[in-house]
C-alpha atoms as a PDB file:
ATOM      1  CA  MET A   1      47.878  91.661  88.838  1.00  0.00           C
ATOM      2  CA  THR A   2      44.495  92.945  89.523  1.00  0.00           C
ATOM      3  CA  VAL A   3      43.332  95.758  92.170  1.00  0.00           C
ATOM      4  CA  PRO A   4      40.877  95.814  93.926  1.00  0.00           C
ATOM      5  CA  THR A   5      38.346  98.076  94.272  1.00  0.00           C
ATOM      6  CA  VAL A   6      38.864 100.571  96.452  1.00  0.00           C
ATOM      7  CA  GLN A   7      35.434 102.569  98.604  1.00  0.00           C
ATOM      8  CA  SER A   8      36.372 105.980  99.766  1.00  0.00           C
ATOM      9  CA  GLY A   9      34.994 105.684 103.908  1.00  0.00           C
ATOM     10  CA  THR A  10      35.413 109.867 104.142  1.00  0.00           C
ATOM     11  CA  THR A  11      32.759 111.173 105.296  1.00  0.00           C
ATOM     12  CA  ASN A  12      31.046 114.827 105.162  1.00  0.00           C
ATOM     13  CA  THR A  13      31.670 116.913 108.669  1.00  0.00           C
ATOM     14  CA  GLY A  14      30.229 120.024 107.578  1.00  0.00           C
ATOM     15  CA  ASN A  15      33.529 122.460 107.385  1.00  0.00           C
ATOM     16  CA  SER A  16      34.803 122.228 104.560  1.00  0.00           C
ATOM     17  CA  THR A  17      33.976 123.486 101.042  1.00  0.00           C
ATOM     18  CA  ASP A  18      33.119 121.033  98.364  1.00  0.00           C
ATOM     19  CA  GLY A  19      36.511 121.481  96.485  1.00  0.00           C
ATOM     20  CA  THR A  20      38.679 121.280  99.509  1.00  0.00           C
ATOM     21  CA  SER A  21      36.540 117.599 100.292  1.00  0.00           C
ATOM     22  CA  LYS A  22      37.036 116.528  96.970  1.00  0.00           C
ATOM     23  CA  THR A  23      40.896 117.038  97.022  1.00  0.00           C
ATOM     24  CA  ALA A  24      40.430 115.081 100.204  1.00  0.00           C
ATOM     25  CA  VAL A  25      38.639 112.572  98.305  1.00  0.00           C
ATOM     26  CA  ASP A  26      41.070 112.237  96.003  1.00  0.00           C
ATOM     27  CA  TYR A  27      44.358 112.304  98.289  1.00  0.00           C
ATOM     28  CA  GLN A  28      42.571 109.646 100.565  1.00  0.00           C
ATOM     29  CA  SER A  29      41.611 107.418  97.797  1.00  0.00           C
ATOM     30  CA  PHE A  30      45.127 107.977  96.301  1.00  0.00           C
ATOM     31  CA  LEU A  31      46.737 106.612  99.289  1.00  0.00           C
ATOM     32  CA  ARG A  32      44.102 103.851 100.009  1.00  0.00           C
ATOM     33  CA  LEU A  33      44.560 102.450  95.935  1.00  0.00           C
ATOM     34  CA  LEU A  34      48.834 102.702  96.891  1.00  0.00           C
ATOM     35  CA  VAL A  35      48.003 100.698 100.172  1.00  0.00           C
ATOM     36  CA  ALA A  36      45.889  97.667  98.396  1.00  0.00           C
ATOM     37  CA  GLU A  37      48.340  97.622  95.303  1.00  0.00           C
ATOM     38  CA  MET A  38      51.502  96.538  98.156  1.00  0.00           C
ATOM     39  CA  LYS A  39      48.830  94.502  99.952  1.00  0.00           C
ATOM     40  CA  ASN A  40      47.851  92.609  97.260  1.00  0.00           C
ATOM     41  CA  GLN A  41      50.981  91.849  95.345  1.00  0.00           C
ATOM     42  CA  ASP A  42      51.789  88.799  94.312  1.00  0.00           C
ATOM     43  CA  PRO A  43      54.567  88.090  96.894  1.00  0.00           C
ATOM     44  CA  THR A  44      56.823  85.782  94.378  1.00  0.00           C
ATOM     45  CA  LYS A  45      56.912  89.127  91.817  1.00  0.00           C
ATOM     46  CA  PRO A  46      57.623  91.796  94.088  1.00  0.00           C
ATOM     47  CA  MET A  47      56.772  95.242  92.734  1.00  0.00           C
ATOM     48  CA  ASP A  48      59.107  96.863  90.215  1.00  0.00           C
ATOM     49  CA  SER A  49      61.530  98.940  92.294  1.00  0.00           C
ATOM     50  CA  THR A  50      61.159 101.573  89.875  1.00  0.00           C
ATOM     51  CA  GLN A  51      57.295 101.688  89.521  1.00  0.00           C
ATOM     52  CA  TYR A  52      57.732 102.103  93.192  1.00  0.00           C
ATOM     53  CA  VAL A  53      59.610 104.836  93.458  1.00  0.00           C
ATOM     54  CA  ALA A  54      57.380 106.539  90.535  1.00  0.00           C
ATOM     55  CA  GLN A  55      54.072 105.985  92.716  1.00  0.00           C
ATOM     56  CA  LEU A  56      56.098 107.221  95.678  1.00  0.00           C
ATOM     57  CA  ALA A  57      56.806 110.216  94.117  1.00  0.00           C
ATOM     58  CA  SER A  58      53.744 110.570  93.100  1.00  0.00           C
ATOM     59  CA  PHE A  59      52.158 110.446  96.410  1.00  0.00           C
ATOM     60  CA  SER A  60      54.317 113.232  97.588  1.00  0.00           C
ATOM     61  CA  GLN A  61      53.163 115.329  94.675  1.00  0.00           C
ATOM     62  CA  VAL A  62      49.318 114.600  95.398  1.00  0.00           C
ATOM     63  CA  GLU A  63      50.849 115.398  98.966  1.00  0.00           C
ATOM     64  CA  GLN A  64      51.961 118.627  97.765  1.00  0.00           C
ATOM     65  CA  SER A  65      48.680 119.877  96.046  1.00  0.00           C
ATOM     66  CA  VAL A  66      46.818 119.033  98.720  1.00  0.00           C
ATOM     67  CA  GLN A  67      49.216 121.630 101.245  1.00  0.00           C
ATOM     68  CA  ILE A  68      49.573 124.286  98.523  1.00  0.00           C
ATOM     69  CA  ASN A  69      45.555 124.514  98.174  1.00  0.00           C
ATOM     70  CA  SER A  70      45.029 124.677 101.817  1.00  0.00           C
ATOM     71  CA  LYS A  71      47.643 127.420 101.391  1.00  0.00           C
ATOM     72  CA  LEU A  72      45.771 129.124  98.804  1.00  0.00           C
ATOM     73  CA  ASN A  73      42.656 129.143 100.543  1.00  0.00           C
ATOM     74  CA  ASP A  74      44.240 130.975 103.707  1.00  0.00           C
ATOM     75  CA  LEU A  75      45.472 133.217 101.418  1.00  0.00           C
ATOM     76  CA  LEU A  76      42.385 134.360  99.545  1.00  0.00           C
ATOM     77  CA  THR A  77      40.709 134.271 102.733  1.00  0.00           C
ATOM     78  CA  SER A  78      42.753 136.542 104.213  1.00  0.00           C
ATOM     79  CA  GLN A  79      42.738 138.790 100.948  1.00  0.00           C
ATOM     80  CA  THR A  80      38.605 138.227 100.982  1.00  0.00           C
ATOM     81  CA  LEU A  81      38.939 139.662 105.167  1.00  0.00           C
ATOM     82  CA  SER A  82      41.260 142.714 104.017  1.00  0.00           C
ATOM     83  CA  GLN A  83      38.383 143.419 100.803  1.00  0.00           C
ATOM     84  CA  ALA A  84      36.008 143.248 103.315  1.00  0.00           C
ATOM     85  CA  ASP A  85      37.356 145.351 106.039  1.00  0.00           C
ATOM     86  CA  ALA A  86      37.810 148.104 103.657  1.00  0.00           C
ATOM     87  CA  LEU A  87      34.505 148.432 102.546  1.00  0.00           C
ATOM     88  CA  ILE A  88      33.225 149.828 106.410  1.00  0.00           C
ATOM     89  CA  GLY A  89      32.182 153.150 106.255  1.00  0.00           C
ATOM     90  CA  ARG A  90      32.693 153.896 102.635  1.00  0.00           C
ATOM     91  CA  THR A  91      29.291 154.819 100.274  1.00  0.00           C
ATOM     92  CA  ILE A  92      28.563 151.583  97.842  1.00  0.00           C
ATOM     93  CA  THR A  93      25.650 151.753  95.211  1.00  0.00           C
ATOM     94  CA  SER A  94      24.039 148.056  94.045  1.00  0.00           C
ATOM     95  CA  ALA A  95      24.971 147.596  90.496  1.00  0.00           C
ATOM     96  CA  ASP A  96      21.276 148.308  90.391  1.00  0.00           C
ATOM     97  CA  GLY A  97      22.094 152.093  90.760  1.00  0.00           C
ATOM     98  CA  THR A  98      18.934 151.499  93.336  1.00  0.00           C
ATOM     99  CA  VAL A  99      20.058 150.695  96.442  1.00  0.00           C
ATOM    100  CA  THR A 100      23.038 153.382  98.461  1.00  0.00           C
ATOM    101  CA  GLY A 101      24.256 154.180 101.341  1.00  0.00           C
ATOM    102  CA  GLU A 102      26.999 154.213 103.777  1.00  0.00           C
ATOM    103  CA  VAL A 103      28.503 150.254 105.030  1.00  0.00           C
ATOM    104  CA  ALA A 104      27.864 149.975 108.924  1.00  0.00           C
ATOM    105  CA  SER A 105      29.163 146.393 108.722  1.00  0.00           C
ATOM    106  CA  VAL A 106      29.969 143.679 106.421  1.00  0.00           C
ATOM    107  CA  LYS A 107      29.157 139.437 106.569  1.00  0.00           C
ATOM    108  CA  LEU A 108      31.388 136.941 104.645  1.00  0.00           C
ATOM    109  CA  TYR A 109      30.284 134.187 103.324  1.00  0.00           C
ATOM    110  CA  SER A 110      31.990 131.246 101.192  1.00  0.00           C
ATOM    111  CA  ASP A 111      30.898 132.715  98.105  1.00  0.00           C
ATOM    112  CA  GLY A 112      30.860 136.188  98.445  1.00  0.00           C
ATOM    113  CA  ILE A 113      30.848 139.012 100.899  1.00  0.00           C
ATOM    114  CA  ILE A 114      27.554 141.003 101.787  1.00  0.00           C
ATOM    115  CA  ALA A 115      27.805 144.669 102.635  1.00  0.00           C
ATOM    116  CA  THR A 116      24.937 145.601 105.974  1.00  0.00           C
ATOM    117  CA  LEU A 117      24.578 149.296 105.177  1.00  0.00           C
ATOM    118  CA  LYS A 118      23.477 151.795 108.055  1.00  0.00           C
ATOM    119  CA  ASP A 119      19.591 152.108 106.836  1.00  0.00           C
ATOM    120  CA  GLY A 120      19.390 148.392 107.243  1.00  0.00           C
ATOM    121  CA  SER A 121      19.196 147.270 103.772  1.00  0.00           C
ATOM    122  CA  GLN A 122      21.929 145.019 102.324  1.00  0.00           C
ATOM    123  CA  ILE A 123      24.234 145.146  99.082  1.00  0.00           C
ATOM    124  CA  VAL A 124      25.610 141.518  97.045  1.00  0.00           C
ATOM    125  CA  ILE A 125      29.220 142.421  96.710  1.00  0.00           C
ATOM    126  CA  GLY A 126      29.874 142.364  93.586  1.00  0.00           C
ATOM    127  CA  PRO A 127      30.415 142.555  89.979  1.00  0.00           C
ATOM    128  CA  GLY A 128      28.767 146.657  89.299  1.00  0.00           C
ATOM    129  CA  ILE A 129      28.479 148.527  92.520  1.00  0.00           C
ATOM    130  CA  THR A 130      30.693 151.334  92.986  1.00  0.00           C
ATOM    131  CA  VAL A 131      32.237 152.658  96.359  1.00  0.00           C
ATOM    132  CA  GLN A 132      32.821 155.774  97.549  1.00  0.00           C
ATOM    133  CA  PRO A 133      34.421 157.423 100.453  1.00  0.00           C
ATOM    134  CA  THR A 134      31.640 158.549 102.438  1.00  0.00           C
ATOM    135  CA  PRO A 135      30.739 162.873 102.026  1.00  0.00           C
ATOM    136  CA  VAL A 136      31.574 164.162 105.460  1.00  0.00           C
ATOM    137  CA  GLU A 137      28.763 166.279 106.597  1.00  0.00           C
ATOM    138  CA  ALA A 138      28.952 169.625 108.316  1.00  0.00           C
END
């Protein structure tokens, strides 16, 4: 049996990361391929029920993987928020040691955290920064 080529008709709405949209495309492509295969099978020689069950099992695994990835992303976002919250009021020093100050606010981005200090300067939170309790002024 020949299965026709299936084109993905998804559009990027801008509110998902590249990893998420790629997963959604894979999931949608798998579903379209399964439906196309079922539509185009020879009615005089229907698909073997064993193959059909195996494909449904694969579909179920893909769906569960998508759901797990979504929950992991939510968990990582929550962890990042907790880390960002813990920085406010602390004194941090940039990895190169040139910028030091007390964190006034933090801003989360999809690829990391930027801390804004009380003097207005900003530090990207990443490897090499130093975080210390802010000294209490007498």
